[in-house]
Amino acid sequence: KTHDRQVVIHNTYNQNNTNFTIKKQVAIILLLYVITTIGLFRSIFFSNYD
């Protein structure tokens, strides 16, 4: 019984860890997307300015 409980705790921990990793990846992708978009807008804005 004790062993079963440890397995459940371990599985829950792994699941939380996976969720965290996915969230981290999504955050990084969003950050890169925002930076790229800002960069594009700035280059368009400044090229129109000349």
PDB file of N, CA and C in Angstrom:
ATOM      1  N   LYS A   1       0.835  -1.209   0.000  1.00  0.00           N
ATOM      2  CA  LYS A   1       0.000   0.000   0.000  1.00  0.00           C
ATOM      3  C   LYS A   1       0.876   1.267   0.000  1.00  0.00           C
ATOM      4  N   THR A   2       1.871   1.272   0.852  1.00  0.00           N
ATOM      5  CA  THR A   2       2.749   2.443   0.930  1.00  0.00           C
ATOM      6  C   THR A   2       3.447   2.656  -0.402  1.00  0.00           C
ATOM      7  N   HIS A   3       3.873   1.549  -1.006  1.00  0.00           N
ATOM      8  CA  HIS A   3       4.576   1.633  -2.294  1.00  0.00           C
ATOM      9  C   HIS A   3       3.660   2.233  -3.365  1.00  0.00           C
ATOM     10  N   ASP A   4       2.394   1.808  -3.372  1.00  0.00           N
ATOM     11  CA  ASP A   4       1.429   2.328  -4.343  1.00  0.00           C
ATOM     12  C   ASP A   4       1.300   3.843  -4.206  1.00  0.00           C
ATOM     13  N   ARG A   5       1.247   4.299  -2.965  1.00  0.00           N
ATOM     14  CA  ARG A   5       1.087   5.729  -2.718  1.00  0.00           C
ATOM     15  C   ARG A   5       2.308   6.495  -3.248  1.00  0.00           C
ATOM     16  N   GLN A   6       3.478   5.928  -3.049  1.00  0.00           N
ATOM     17  CA  GLN A   6       4.703   6.573  -3.534  1.00  0.00           C
ATOM     18  C   GLN A   6       4.688   6.683  -5.058  1.00  0.00           C
ATOM     19  N   VAL A   7       4.210   5.629  -5.716  1.00  0.00           N
ATOM     20  CA  VAL A   7       4.128   5.638  -7.179  1.00  0.00           C
ATOM     21  C   VAL A   7       3.176   6.740  -7.641  1.00  0.00           C
ATOM     22  N   VAL A   8       2.037   6.862  -6.965  1.00  0.00           N
ATOM     23  CA  VAL A   8       1.049   7.891  -7.321  1.00  0.00           C
ATOM     24  C   VAL A   8       1.667   9.273  -7.157  1.00  0.00           C
ATOM     25  N   ILE A   9       2.350   9.496  -6.040  1.00  0.00           N
ATOM     26  CA  ILE A   9       3.001  10.787  -5.784  1.00  0.00           C
ATOM     27  C   ILE A   9       4.034  11.063  -6.868  1.00  0.00           C
ATOM     28  N   HIS A  10       4.804  10.050  -7.213  1.00  0.00           N
ATOM     29  CA  HIS A  10       5.845  10.199  -8.232  1.00  0.00           C
ATOM     30  C   HIS A  10       5.230  10.548  -9.583  1.00  0.00           C
ATOM     31  N   ASN A  11       4.153   9.865  -9.949  1.00  0.00           N
ATOM     32  CA  ASN A  11       3.483  10.125 -11.223  1.00  0.00           C
ATOM     33  C   ASN A  11       2.917  11.545 -11.259  1.00  0.00           C
ATOM     34  N   THR A  12       2.327  11.969 -10.135  1.00  0.00           N
ATOM     35  CA  THR A  12       1.770  13.321 -10.053  1.00  0.00           C
ATOM     36  C   THR A  12       2.872  14.345 -10.227  1.00  0.00           C
ATOM     37  N   TYR A  13       4.010  14.093  -9.597  1.00  0.00           N
ATOM     38  CA  TYR A  13       5.150  15.008  -9.700  1.00  0.00           C
ATOM     39  C   TYR A  13       5.623  15.106 -11.148  1.00  0.00           C
ATOM     40  N   ASN A  14       5.720  13.956 -11.810  1.00  0.00           N
ATOM     41  CA  ASN A  14       6.157  13.936 -13.210  1.00  0.00           C
ATOM     42  C   ASN A  14       5.189  14.713 -14.095  1.00  0.00           C
ATOM     43  N   GLN A  15       3.896  14.546 -13.826  1.00  0.00           N
ATOM     44  CA  GLN A  15       2.877  15.228 -14.617  1.00  0.00           C
ATOM     45  C   GLN A  15       2.997  16.740 -14.439  1.00  0.00           C
ATOM     46  N   ASN A  16       3.159  17.186 -13.194  1.00  0.00           N
ATOM     47  CA  ASN A  16       3.313  18.616 -12.923  1.00  0.00           C
ATOM     48  C   ASN A  16       4.560  19.148 -13.603  1.00  0.00           C
ATOM     49  N   ASN A  17       5.626  18.364 -13.568  1.00  0.00           N
ATOM     50  CA  ASN A  17       6.886  18.763 -14.179  1.00  0.00           C
ATOM     51  C   ASN A  17       6.716  18.933 -15.683  1.00  0.00           C
ATOM     52  N   THR A  18       5.991  17.996 -16.304  1.00  0.00           N
ATOM     53  CA  THR A  18       5.747  18.055 -17.746  1.00  0.00           C
ATOM     54  C   THR A  18       4.922  19.290 -18.083  1.00  0.00           C
ATOM     55  N   ASN A  19       3.880  19.553 -17.286  1.00  0.00           N
ATOM     56  CA  ASN A  19       3.040  20.731 -17.509  1.00  0.00           C
ATOM     57  C   ASN A  19       3.872  21.998 -17.425  1.00  0.00           C
ATOM     58  N   PHE A  20       4.770  22.043 -16.446  1.00  0.00           N
ATOM     59  CA  PHE A  20       5.622  23.215 -16.263  1.00  0.00           C
ATOM     60  C   PHE A  20       6.528  23.403 -17.469  1.00  0.00           C
ATOM     61  N   THR A  21       7.094  22.297 -17.963  1.00  0.00           N
ATOM     62  CA  THR A  21       7.992  22.365 -19.123  1.00  0.00           C
ATOM     63  C   THR A  21       7.236  22.879 -20.343  1.00  0.00           C
ATOM     64  N   ILE A  22       6.008  22.390 -20.537  1.00  0.00           N
ATOM     65  CA  ILE A  22       5.189  22.828 -21.673  1.00  0.00           C
ATOM     66  C   ILE A  22       4.893  24.321 -21.551  1.00  0.00           C
ATOM     67  N   LYS A  23       4.524  24.760 -20.345  1.00  0.00           N
ATOM     68  CA  LYS A  23       4.225  26.180 -20.130  1.00  0.00           C
ATOM     69  C   LYS A  23       5.449  27.030 -20.415  1.00  0.00           C
ATOM     70  N   LYS A  24       6.619  26.517 -19.996  1.00  0.00           N
ATOM     71  CA  LYS A  24       7.861  27.256 -20.209  1.00  0.00           C
ATOM     72  C   LYS A  24       8.132  27.393 -21.708  1.00  0.00           C
ATOM     73  N   GLN A  25       7.928  26.304 -22.451  1.00  0.00           N
ATOM     74  CA  GLN A  25       8.151  26.326 -23.904  1.00  0.00           C
ATOM     75  C   GLN A  25       7.189  27.302 -24.572  1.00  0.00           C
ATOM     76  N   VAL A  26       5.930  27.279 -24.154  1.00  0.00           N
ATOM     77  CA  VAL A  26       4.926  28.186 -24.721  1.00  0.00           C
ATOM     78  C   VAL A  26       5.314  29.630 -24.437  1.00  0.00           C
ATOM     79  N   ALA A  27       5.769  29.897 -23.214  1.00  0.00           N
ATOM     80  CA  ALA A  27       6.177  31.254 -22.839  1.00  0.00           C
ATOM     81  C   ALA A  27       7.338  31.729 -23.702  1.00  0.00           C
ATOM     82  N   ILE A  28       8.312  30.842 -23.930  1.00  0.00           N
ATOM     83  CA  ILE A  28       9.474  31.195 -24.751  1.00  0.00           C
ATOM     84  C   ILE A  28       9.042  31.484 -26.185  1.00  0.00           C
ATOM     85  N   ILE A  29       8.150  30.639 -26.728  1.00  0.00           N
ATOM     86  CA  ILE A  29       7.665  30.832 -28.100  1.00  0.00           C
ATOM     87  C   ILE A  29       6.919  32.159 -28.212  1.00  0.00           C
ATOM     88  N   LEU A  30       6.060  32.456 -27.229  1.00  0.00           N
ATOM     89  CA  LEU A  30       5.315  33.715 -27.241  1.00  0.00           C
ATOM     90  C   LEU A  30       6.262  34.900 -27.176  1.00  0.00           C
ATOM     91  N   LEU A  31       7.276  34.787 -26.320  1.00  0.00           N
ATOM     92  CA  LEU A  31       8.253  35.863 -26.167  1.00  0.00           C
ATOM     93  C   LEU A  31       8.976  36.124 -27.484  1.00  0.00           C
ATOM     94  N   LEU A  32       9.428  35.038 -28.128  1.00  0.00           N
ATOM     95  CA  LEU A  32      10.111  35.171 -29.420  1.00  0.00           C
ATOM     96  C   LEU A  32       9.181  35.789 -30.459  1.00  0.00           C
ATOM     97  N   TYR A  33       7.918  35.365 -30.449  1.00  0.00           N
ATOM     98  CA  TYR A  33       6.926  35.881 -31.392  1.00  0.00           C
ATOM     99  C   TYR A  33       6.733  37.386 -31.208  1.00  0.00           C
ATOM    100  N   VAL A  34       6.606  37.804 -29.945  1.00  0.00           N
ATOM    101  CA  VAL A  34       6.409  39.224 -29.637  1.00  0.00           C
ATOM    102  C   VAL A  34       7.622  40.037 -30.082  1.00  0.00           C
ATOM    103  N   ILE A  35       8.821  39.530 -29.768  1.00  0.00           N
ATOM    104  CA  ILE A  35      10.055  40.230 -30.149  1.00  0.00           C
ATOM    105  C   ILE A  35      10.148  40.364 -31.668  1.00  0.00           C
ATOM    106  N   THR A  36       9.837  39.277 -32.378  1.00  0.00           N
ATOM    107  CA  THR A  36       9.894  39.297 -33.844  1.00  0.00           C
ATOM    108  C   THR A  36       8.887  40.292 -34.407  1.00  0.00           C
ATOM    109  N   THR A  37       7.668  40.279 -33.864  1.00  0.00           N
ATOM    110  CA  THR A  37       6.615  41.176 -34.337  1.00  0.00           C
ATOM    111  C   THR A  37       7.008  42.627 -34.118  1.00  0.00           C
ATOM    112  N   ILE A  38       7.524  42.933 -32.917  1.00  0.00           N
ATOM    113  CA  ILE A  38       7.962  44.299 -32.614  1.00  0.00           C
ATOM    114  C   ILE A  38       9.081  44.699 -33.571  1.00  0.00           C
ATOM    115  N   GLY A  39      10.016  43.786 -33.804  1.00  0.00           N
ATOM    116  CA  GLY A  39      11.125  44.061 -34.718  1.00  0.00           C
ATOM    117  C   GLY A  39      10.627  44.374 -36.119  1.00  0.00           C
ATOM    118  N   LEU A  40       9.654  43.603 -36.599  1.00  0.00           N
ATOM    119  CA  LEU A  40       9.097  43.829 -37.936  1.00  0.00           C
ATOM    120  C   LEU A  40       8.397  45.179 -38.006  1.00  0.00           C
ATOM    121  N   PHE A  41       7.566  45.466 -37.001  1.00  0.00           N
ATOM    122  CA  PHE A  41       6.841  46.732 -36.987  1.00  0.00           C
ATOM    123  C   PHE A  41       7.795  47.916 -36.951  1.00  0.00           C
ATOM    124  N   ARG A  42       8.859  47.788 -36.150  1.00  0.00           N
ATOM    125  CA  ARG A  42       9.825  48.878 -36.043  1.00  0.00           C
ATOM    126  C   ARG A  42      10.550  49.090 -37.365  1.00  0.00           C
ATOM    127  N   SER A  43      10.938  48.000 -38.029  1.00  0.00           N
ATOM    128  CA  SER A  43      11.655  48.135 -39.307  1.00  0.00           C
ATOM    129  C   SER A  43      10.742  48.748 -40.368  1.00  0.00           C
ATOM    130  N   ILE A  44       9.462  48.357 -40.370  1.00  0.00           N
ATOM    131  CA  ILE A  44       8.495  48.926 -41.322  1.00  0.00           C
ATOM    132  C   ILE A  44       8.292  50.410 -41.016  1.00  0.00           C
ATOM    133  N   PHE A  45       8.115  50.709 -39.741  1.00  0.00           N
ATOM    134  CA  PHE A  45       7.870  52.081 -39.301  1.00  0.00           C
ATOM    135  C   PHE A  45       9.030  52.994 -39.677  1.00  0.00           C
ATOM    136  N   PHE A  46      10.256  52.526 -39.403  1.00  0.00           N
ATOM    137  CA  PHE A  46      11.426  53.359 -39.661  1.00  0.00           C
ATOM    138  C   PHE A  46      11.724  53.470 -41.157  1.00  0.00           C
ATOM    139  N   SER A  47      11.416  52.431 -41.937  1.00  0.00           N
ATOM    140  CA  SER A  47      11.669  52.498 -43.383  1.00  0.00           C
ATOM    141  C   SER A  47      10.671  53.455 -44.041  1.00  0.00           C
ATOM    142  N   ASN A  48       9.450  53.534 -43.504  1.00  0.00           N
ATOM    143  CA  ASN A  48       8.461  54.476 -44.021  1.00  0.00           C
ATOM    144  C   ASN A  48       8.817  55.903 -43.626  1.00  0.00           C
ATOM    145  N   TYR A  49       9.570  56.033 -42.576  1.00  0.00           N
ATOM    146  CA  TYR A  49       9.928  57.347 -42.031  1.00  0.00           C
ATOM    147  C   TYR A  49      10.901  58.095 -42.929  1.00  0.00           C
ATOM    148  N   ASP A  50      11.748  57.339 -43.641  1.00  0.00           N
ATOM    149  CA  ASP A  50      12.782  57.969 -44.485  1.00  0.00           C
ATOM    150  C   ASP A  50      12.160  58.713 -45.662  1.00  0.00           C
TER     151      ASP A  50
END
